[in-house]
N, C-alpha and C. Protein backbone atom coordinates (compact mmCIF):
# COMPACT_ATOMS: atom_id res chain seq x y z
N UNK A 1 25.89 -12.25 2.69
CA UNK A 1 25.49 -13.47 3.35
C UNK A 1 25.25 -14.62 2.29
N UNK A 2 25.64 -15.80 2.66
CA UNK A 2 25.45 -17.03 1.94
C UNK A 2 23.85 -17.32 2.17
N UNK A 3 23.24 -17.51 0.70
CA UNK A 3 21.95 -17.67 0.78
C UNK A 3 21.35 -19.13 1.27
N UNK A 4 22.44 -19.93 1.43
CA UNK A 4 22.15 -21.30 1.92
C UNK A 4 22.09 -21.32 3.44
N UNK A 5 22.72 -20.34 4.06
CA UNK A 5 22.82 -20.23 5.55
C UNK A 5 21.53 -19.83 6.14
N UNK A 6 21.15 -20.42 7.15
CA UNK A 6 19.82 -19.85 7.88
C UNK A 6 20.20 -18.69 8.97
N UNK A 7 19.61 -17.67 8.81
CA UNK A 7 19.90 -16.64 9.81
C UNK A 7 19.47 -17.13 11.19
N UNK A 8 20.12 -16.31 12.26
CA UNK A 8 19.59 -16.61 13.63
C UNK A 8 18.18 -16.02 13.81
N UNK A 9 17.50 -16.62 14.93
CA UNK A 9 16.21 -16.22 15.08
C UNK A 9 16.01 -14.80 15.44
N UNK A 10 16.92 -14.09 16.03
CA UNK A 10 16.82 -12.62 16.19
C UNK A 10 16.74 -11.87 14.80
N UNK A 11 17.63 -12.34 13.95
CA UNK A 11 17.76 -11.67 12.71
C UNK A 11 16.55 -11.95 11.88
N UNK A 12 15.95 -13.26 12.01
CA UNK A 12 14.72 -13.42 11.31
C UNK A 12 13.59 -12.65 11.69
N UNK A 13 13.58 -12.47 13.25
CA UNK A 13 12.52 -11.70 13.62
C UNK A 13 12.60 -10.25 13.19
N UNK A 14 13.77 -9.70 13.39
CA UNK A 14 13.92 -8.31 13.14
C UNK A 14 13.69 -8.06 11.51
N UNK A 15 14.26 -8.77 10.65
CA UNK A 15 13.87 -8.56 9.29
C UNK A 15 12.39 -8.90 8.89
N UNK A 16 11.81 -9.76 9.71
CA UNK A 16 10.43 -9.84 9.68
C UNK A 16 9.62 -8.73 10.03
N UNK A 17 10.06 -8.02 11.07
CA UNK A 17 9.42 -6.80 11.38
C UNK A 17 9.53 -5.61 10.44
N UNK A 18 10.73 -5.54 9.84
CA UNK A 18 10.93 -4.51 8.81
C UNK A 18 9.91 -4.94 7.57
N UNK A 19 9.82 -6.23 7.13
CA UNK A 19 8.87 -6.57 6.08
C UNK A 19 7.41 -6.27 6.61
N UNK A 20 7.14 -6.58 7.73
CA UNK A 20 5.75 -6.31 8.25
C UNK A 20 5.53 -4.88 8.20
N UNK A 21 6.52 -3.95 8.58
CA UNK A 21 6.22 -2.48 8.53
C UNK A 21 5.92 -2.14 7.02
N UNK A 22 6.74 -2.63 6.13
CA UNK A 22 6.36 -2.50 4.71
C UNK A 22 5.01 -2.87 4.43
N UNK A 23 4.56 -3.92 4.76
CA UNK A 23 3.19 -4.44 4.49
C UNK A 23 2.21 -3.45 5.00
N UNK A 24 2.48 -2.91 6.15
CA UNK A 24 1.62 -1.77 6.77
C UNK A 24 1.56 -0.43 5.80
N UNK A 25 2.74 -0.22 5.30
CA UNK A 25 2.91 0.85 4.38
C UNK A 25 2.12 0.71 3.30
N UNK A 26 2.16 -0.68 2.72
CA UNK A 26 1.38 -0.99 1.60
C UNK A 26 -0.17 -0.87 1.71
N UNK A 27 -0.64 -1.11 3.06
CA UNK A 27 -1.95 -0.92 3.26
C UNK A 27 -2.33 0.67 3.25
N UNK A 28 -1.44 1.22 4.05
CA UNK A 28 -1.47 2.88 4.06
C UNK A 28 -1.61 3.36 2.62
N UNK A 29 -0.77 2.87 1.78
CA UNK A 29 -0.66 3.42 0.27
C UNK A 29 -2.00 3.08 -0.45
N UNK A 30 -2.68 1.88 -0.06
CA UNK A 30 -3.96 1.70 -0.48
C UNK A 30 -5.00 2.49 -0.09
N UNK A 31 -4.85 2.89 1.19
CA UNK A 31 -5.83 3.89 1.84
C UNK A 31 -5.75 5.31 1.05
N UNK A 32 -4.46 5.57 0.85
CA UNK A 32 -4.15 6.90 0.20
C UNK A 32 -4.80 6.97 -1.25
N UNK A 33 -4.72 5.65 -2.01
CA UNK A 33 -5.31 5.69 -3.26
C UNK A 33 -6.92 5.77 -3.13
N UNK A 34 -7.52 5.13 -2.04
CA UNK A 34 -8.83 5.26 -1.85
C UNK A 34 -9.23 6.85 -1.60
N UNK A 35 -8.24 7.41 -0.72
CA UNK A 35 -8.57 8.91 -0.50
C UNK A 35 -8.53 9.71 -1.89
N UNK A 36 -7.60 9.37 -2.68
CA UNK A 36 -7.55 9.94 -3.89
C UNK A 36 -8.75 9.70 -4.80
N UNK A 37 -9.15 8.46 -4.91
CA UNK A 37 -10.23 8.26 -5.76
C UNK A 37 -11.59 8.59 -5.24
N UNK A 38 -11.76 8.74 -3.87
CA UNK A 38 -12.93 9.22 -3.21
C UNK A 38 -13.06 10.65 -3.28
N UNK A 39 -11.82 11.37 -3.10
CA UNK A 39 -12.09 12.84 -3.21
C UNK A 39 -12.21 13.39 -4.63
N UNK A 40 -11.70 12.59 -5.54
CA UNK A 40 -11.95 12.89 -7.04
C UNK A 40 -13.32 12.66 -7.43
N UNK A 41 -13.84 11.53 -6.99
CA UNK A 41 -15.41 11.34 -7.09
C UNK A 41 -16.28 12.39 -6.44
N UNK A 42 -16.00 12.72 -5.35
CA UNK A 42 -16.74 13.71 -4.67
C UNK A 42 -16.68 15.08 -5.34
N UNK A 43 -15.58 15.33 -5.85
CA UNK A 43 -15.42 16.73 -6.71
C UNK A 43 -16.40 16.51 -8.06
N UNK A 44 -16.28 15.43 -8.68
CA UNK A 44 -17.24 15.34 -9.88
C UNK A 44 -18.64 15.34 -9.56
N UNK A 45 -18.97 14.74 -8.39
CA UNK A 45 -20.47 14.72 -7.84
C UNK A 45 -20.74 16.22 -7.56
N UNK A 46 -19.92 16.89 -6.89
CA UNK A 46 -20.12 18.34 -6.55
C UNK A 46 -20.44 19.12 -7.88
N UNK A 47 -19.65 18.79 -8.83
CA UNK A 47 -19.79 19.46 -10.08
C UNK A 47 -21.15 19.30 -10.64
N UNK A 48 -21.58 17.96 -10.64
CA UNK A 48 -22.98 17.78 -11.05
C UNK A 48 -24.13 18.62 -10.23
N UNK A 49 -23.84 18.50 -8.93
CA UNK A 49 -24.67 19.12 -7.92
C UNK A 49 -24.78 20.72 -8.29
N UNK A 50 -23.60 21.33 -8.60
CA UNK A 50 -23.54 22.68 -8.93
C UNK A 50 -24.48 22.87 -10.22
N UNK A 51 -24.25 22.20 -11.08
CA UNK A 51 -25.06 22.25 -12.43
C UNK A 51 -26.35 22.23 -12.07
N UNK A 52 -26.88 21.43 -11.21
CA UNK A 52 -28.30 21.27 -10.87
C UNK A 52 -28.78 22.38 -10.11
N UNK A 53 -28.07 22.92 -9.37
CA UNK A 53 -28.30 24.01 -8.53
C UNK A 53 -28.62 25.27 -9.59
N UNK A 54 -27.72 25.41 -10.36
CA UNK A 54 -27.82 26.59 -11.43
C UNK A 54 -29.13 26.26 -12.31
N UNK A 55 -29.30 25.06 -12.72
CA UNK A 55 -30.42 24.56 -13.50
C UNK A 55 -31.82 24.99 -12.73
N UNK A 56 -31.76 24.78 -11.40
CA UNK A 56 -32.79 25.11 -10.42
C UNK A 56 -32.88 26.48 -10.18
N UNK A 57 -32.15 27.49 -10.86
CA UNK A 57 -32.30 28.89 -10.40
C UNK A 57 -31.47 29.48 -9.26
N UNK A 58 -30.69 28.45 -8.69
CA UNK A 58 -29.93 29.02 -7.57
C UNK A 58 -28.46 29.21 -7.91
N UNK A 59 -28.36 30.34 -8.77
CA UNK A 59 -27.15 30.79 -9.39
C UNK A 59 -26.00 31.31 -8.42
N UNK A 60 -26.55 31.94 -7.39
CA UNK A 60 -25.61 32.43 -6.39
C UNK A 60 -24.94 31.22 -5.61
N UNK A 61 -25.68 30.44 -5.19
CA UNK A 61 -25.16 29.12 -4.52
C UNK A 61 -24.27 28.35 -5.33
N UNK A 62 -24.79 28.10 -6.64
CA UNK A 62 -23.99 27.36 -7.73
C UNK A 62 -22.55 28.04 -7.74
N UNK A 63 -22.57 29.20 -7.94
CA UNK A 63 -21.40 30.15 -8.30
C UNK A 63 -20.43 29.98 -7.05
N UNK A 64 -20.97 30.21 -5.93
CA UNK A 64 -20.15 30.10 -4.67
C UNK A 64 -19.45 28.71 -4.63
N UNK A 65 -20.12 27.62 -4.81
CA UNK A 65 -19.64 26.24 -4.73
C UNK A 65 -18.58 26.03 -5.86
N UNK A 66 -18.95 26.57 -7.14
CA UNK A 66 -18.19 26.28 -8.34
C UNK A 66 -16.82 26.92 -8.06
N UNK A 67 -16.87 28.31 -7.56
CA UNK A 67 -15.51 28.97 -7.38
C UNK A 67 -14.82 28.69 -6.21
N UNK A 68 -15.48 28.36 -5.24
CA UNK A 68 -14.87 27.96 -3.79
C UNK A 68 -14.23 26.51 -3.64
N UNK A 69 -15.01 25.71 -4.25
CA UNK A 69 -14.96 24.22 -3.75
C UNK A 69 -14.45 23.37 -5.07
N UNK A 70 -15.23 23.40 -6.09
CA UNK A 70 -14.94 22.52 -7.26
C UNK A 70 -13.48 22.78 -7.77
N UNK A 71 -12.80 21.77 -7.87
CA UNK A 71 -11.45 21.65 -8.42
C UNK A 71 -10.33 22.29 -7.29
N UNK A 72 -10.85 22.48 -6.04
CA UNK A 72 -10.03 23.10 -4.95
C UNK A 72 -8.82 22.12 -4.67
N UNK A 73 -7.66 22.55 -4.47
CA UNK A 73 -6.51 21.84 -3.89
C UNK A 73 -6.77 21.31 -2.51
N UNK A 74 -6.51 20.03 -2.25
CA UNK A 74 -6.73 19.47 -0.91
C UNK A 74 -5.67 19.73 0.11
N UNK A 75 -4.53 20.18 -0.49
CA UNK A 75 -3.36 20.73 0.27
C UNK A 75 -2.85 21.75 -0.47
N UNK A 76 -1.95 22.75 0.03
CA UNK A 76 -1.58 23.87 -0.70
C UNK A 76 -0.82 23.43 -1.85
N UNK A 77 -1.41 23.83 -3.19
CA UNK A 77 -0.89 23.48 -4.38
C UNK A 77 -1.04 22.15 -4.84
N UNK A 78 -1.66 21.22 -4.16
CA UNK A 78 -1.81 19.93 -4.64
C UNK A 78 -3.28 19.33 -4.66
N UNK A 79 -3.57 18.57 -5.65
CA UNK A 79 -4.75 17.73 -5.81
C UNK A 79 -4.22 16.37 -5.17
N UNK A 80 -5.16 15.46 -5.01
CA UNK A 80 -4.78 14.21 -4.58
C UNK A 80 -3.94 13.34 -5.33
N UNK A 81 -3.97 13.64 -6.64
CA UNK A 81 -2.90 12.57 -7.35
C UNK A 81 -1.64 13.19 -7.11
N UNK A 82 -1.30 14.41 -6.80
CA UNK A 82 0.08 14.83 -6.58
C UNK A 82 0.49 14.50 -5.16
N UNK A 83 -0.57 14.25 -4.22
CA UNK A 83 -0.16 13.90 -2.92
C UNK A 83 0.19 12.27 -3.02
N UNK A 84 -0.36 11.48 -3.76
CA UNK A 84 -0.23 10.15 -4.12
C UNK A 84 1.29 10.07 -4.85
N UNK A 85 1.50 10.95 -5.82
CA UNK A 85 2.92 10.90 -6.42
C UNK A 85 4.01 11.21 -5.50
N UNK A 86 3.81 12.18 -4.72
CA UNK A 86 4.68 12.56 -3.71
C UNK A 86 5.22 11.35 -2.77
N UNK A 87 3.89 10.90 -2.15
CA UNK A 87 4.18 9.77 -1.24
C UNK A 87 4.93 8.60 -1.95
N UNK A 88 4.52 8.23 -3.16
CA UNK A 88 5.21 7.28 -3.91
C UNK A 88 6.69 7.43 -4.03
N UNK A 89 6.97 8.65 -4.48
CA UNK A 89 8.30 9.13 -4.72
C UNK A 89 9.28 9.38 -3.63
N UNK A 90 8.57 9.81 -2.47
CA UNK A 90 9.41 10.27 -1.47
C UNK A 90 9.43 9.30 -0.26
N UNK A 91 8.51 8.58 0.06
CA UNK A 91 8.45 7.66 1.14
C UNK A 91 8.40 6.17 0.67
N UNK A 92 7.37 5.87 -0.10
CA UNK A 92 7.07 4.52 -0.44
C UNK A 92 8.37 3.80 -1.18
N UNK A 93 8.68 4.51 -2.26
CA UNK A 93 10.00 3.92 -2.98
C UNK A 93 11.13 3.74 -2.18
N UNK A 94 11.58 4.66 -1.17
CA UNK A 94 12.59 4.48 -0.35
C UNK A 94 12.55 3.36 0.66
N UNK A 95 11.00 3.17 1.17
CA UNK A 95 10.85 2.09 2.16
C UNK A 95 11.04 0.74 1.44
N UNK A 96 10.44 0.57 0.20
CA UNK A 96 10.70 -0.70 -0.38
C UNK A 96 12.07 -1.07 -0.82
N UNK A 97 12.74 0.10 -1.30
CA UNK A 97 14.16 -0.19 -1.51
C UNK A 97 15.07 -0.56 -0.19
N UNK A 98 14.86 0.13 0.82
CA UNK A 98 15.53 -0.29 2.06
C UNK A 98 15.26 -1.61 2.62
N UNK A 99 13.83 -1.93 2.49
CA UNK A 99 13.44 -3.24 3.05
C UNK A 99 14.02 -4.38 2.28
N UNK A 100 13.99 -4.19 0.94
CA UNK A 100 14.65 -5.15 0.06
C UNK A 100 16.18 -5.21 0.26
N UNK A 101 16.97 -4.22 0.47
CA UNK A 101 18.28 -4.23 0.97
C UNK A 101 18.57 -5.01 2.14
N UNK A 102 17.72 -4.76 3.22
CA UNK A 102 17.85 -5.47 4.42
C UNK A 102 17.66 -7.05 4.12
N UNK A 103 16.74 -7.37 3.60
CA UNK A 103 16.46 -8.71 3.30
C UNK A 103 17.52 -9.33 2.39
N UNK A 104 17.98 -8.73 1.36
CA UNK A 104 19.03 -9.16 0.59
C UNK A 104 20.36 -9.56 1.37
N UNK A 105 20.72 -8.52 2.18
CA UNK A 105 21.87 -8.57 2.94
C UNK A 105 21.73 -9.76 4.08
N UNK A 106 20.65 -9.71 4.65
CA UNK A 106 20.49 -10.77 5.96
C UNK A 106 19.98 -12.08 5.79
N UNK A 107 19.09 -12.08 4.76
CA UNK A 107 18.35 -13.41 4.46
C UNK A 107 18.37 -13.88 3.19
N UNK A 108 19.50 -13.29 2.34
CA UNK A 108 19.61 -13.74 1.04
C UNK A 108 18.35 -13.27 0.10
N UNK A 109 17.52 -12.31 0.56
CA UNK A 109 16.39 -11.89 -0.10
C UNK A 109 15.23 -12.71 0.17
N UNK A 110 15.22 -13.66 0.92
CA UNK A 110 14.10 -14.58 1.28
C UNK A 110 13.18 -13.72 2.21
N UNK A 111 11.80 -13.96 1.80
CA UNK A 111 10.64 -13.37 2.51
C UNK A 111 10.08 -14.14 3.61
N UNK A 112 9.55 -13.74 4.53
CA UNK A 112 8.66 -14.45 5.54
C UNK A 112 9.31 -15.76 6.13
N UNK A 113 10.57 -15.79 6.64
CA UNK A 113 11.19 -16.81 7.11
C UNK A 113 10.36 -17.36 8.30
N UNK A 114 9.98 -16.49 9.16
CA UNK A 114 9.32 -16.82 10.33
C UNK A 114 8.03 -17.51 9.95
N UNK A 115 7.18 -17.05 8.90
CA UNK A 115 5.94 -17.74 8.48
C UNK A 115 6.26 -19.07 8.06
N UNK A 116 7.36 -19.25 7.19
CA UNK A 116 7.66 -20.54 6.53
C UNK A 116 7.98 -21.39 7.68
N UNK A 117 8.68 -21.05 8.83
CA UNK A 117 9.07 -22.12 9.78
C UNK A 117 7.63 -22.36 10.49
N UNK A 118 6.73 -21.32 10.59
CA UNK A 118 5.49 -21.70 11.48
C UNK A 118 4.78 -22.65 10.53
N UNK A 119 4.66 -22.51 9.24
CA UNK A 119 4.05 -23.43 8.28
C UNK A 119 4.60 -24.69 8.51
N UNK A 120 5.80 -24.88 8.54
CA UNK A 120 6.65 -26.34 8.56
C UNK A 120 6.25 -26.94 9.92
N UNK A 121 6.12 -26.11 11.11
CA UNK A 121 5.72 -26.65 12.35
C UNK A 121 4.25 -27.15 12.31
N UNK A 122 3.31 -26.35 11.72
CA UNK A 122 1.78 -26.44 11.86
C UNK A 122 1.29 -27.44 10.76
N UNK A 123 1.89 -27.67 9.76
CA UNK A 123 1.42 -28.60 8.60
C UNK A 123 1.35 -29.96 9.12
N UNK A 124 0.44 -30.77 8.46
CA UNK A 124 0.56 -32.29 8.70
C UNK A 124 1.34 -32.85 7.47
N UNK A 125 2.53 -33.33 7.79
CA UNK A 125 3.40 -33.91 6.76
C UNK A 125 2.67 -35.14 6.01
N UNK A 126 2.76 -35.24 4.86
CA UNK A 126 2.23 -36.29 4.07
C UNK A 126 0.59 -36.09 3.83
N UNK A 127 0.09 -35.21 4.41
CA UNK A 127 -1.32 -34.99 4.12
C UNK A 127 -1.76 -34.08 2.99
N UNK A 128 -2.82 -34.41 2.24
CA UNK A 128 -3.23 -33.57 1.21
C UNK A 128 -3.49 -32.10 1.85
N UNK A 129 -3.26 -31.03 0.84
CA UNK A 129 -3.31 -29.87 1.33
C UNK A 129 -2.61 -29.19 2.43
N UNK A 130 -1.64 -29.93 2.94
CA UNK A 130 -0.57 -29.55 3.79
C UNK A 130 0.73 -29.66 3.24
N UNK A 131 0.86 -29.63 1.91
CA UNK A 131 2.19 -29.71 1.22
C UNK A 131 3.01 -28.47 1.45
N UNK A 132 4.26 -28.78 1.55
CA UNK A 132 5.22 -27.57 1.82
C UNK A 132 5.22 -26.47 0.66
N UNK A 133 5.03 -26.88 -0.55
CA UNK A 133 5.11 -25.83 -1.64
C UNK A 133 4.16 -26.47 -2.72
N UNK A 134 3.90 -25.65 -3.64
CA UNK A 134 2.94 -26.12 -4.88
C UNK A 134 3.71 -27.16 -5.54
N UNK A 135 3.07 -28.09 -6.15
CA UNK A 135 3.71 -29.14 -6.95
C UNK A 135 4.66 -28.77 -7.88
N UNK A 136 4.55 -27.76 -8.49
CA UNK A 136 5.54 -27.25 -9.53
C UNK A 136 6.72 -26.77 -8.96
N UNK A 137 6.81 -26.46 -7.62
CA UNK A 137 7.96 -26.04 -7.03
C UNK A 137 8.66 -27.04 -6.18
N UNK A 138 8.07 -28.20 -5.89
CA UNK A 138 8.70 -29.29 -5.14
C UNK A 138 9.76 -30.00 -5.76
N UNK A 139 10.86 -30.27 -5.01
CA UNK A 139 12.01 -30.85 -5.65
C UNK A 139 11.67 -32.47 -5.61
């Protein structure tokens, strides 16, 4: 597609929805990283608790937690870092690549065309803080 040509409204809406879905995946990925970090922190805290239980003379309880839970896989064969790596490699990378391809082919790679049109409609032309673009990008 010629990058100078404006796509029709349905195409803009459809491509915008694909990008919006990617933005949701980005948020999900952030939550997955939170899951990874929180689970890792919990495992380290549990390790400290186990040491304290042992120091307090509760060796049976400490040993049970140490052997059953400390360092345990969260999914069969996987710690959270492996879950994150698999998500990134198998889903996230494919989603990003395919979204980029749709945008390249249908909008010349341009992002947020619907939002750009909304900004143009809603801003007050000629008013400070309502410029169409940053000063260094204006023609």
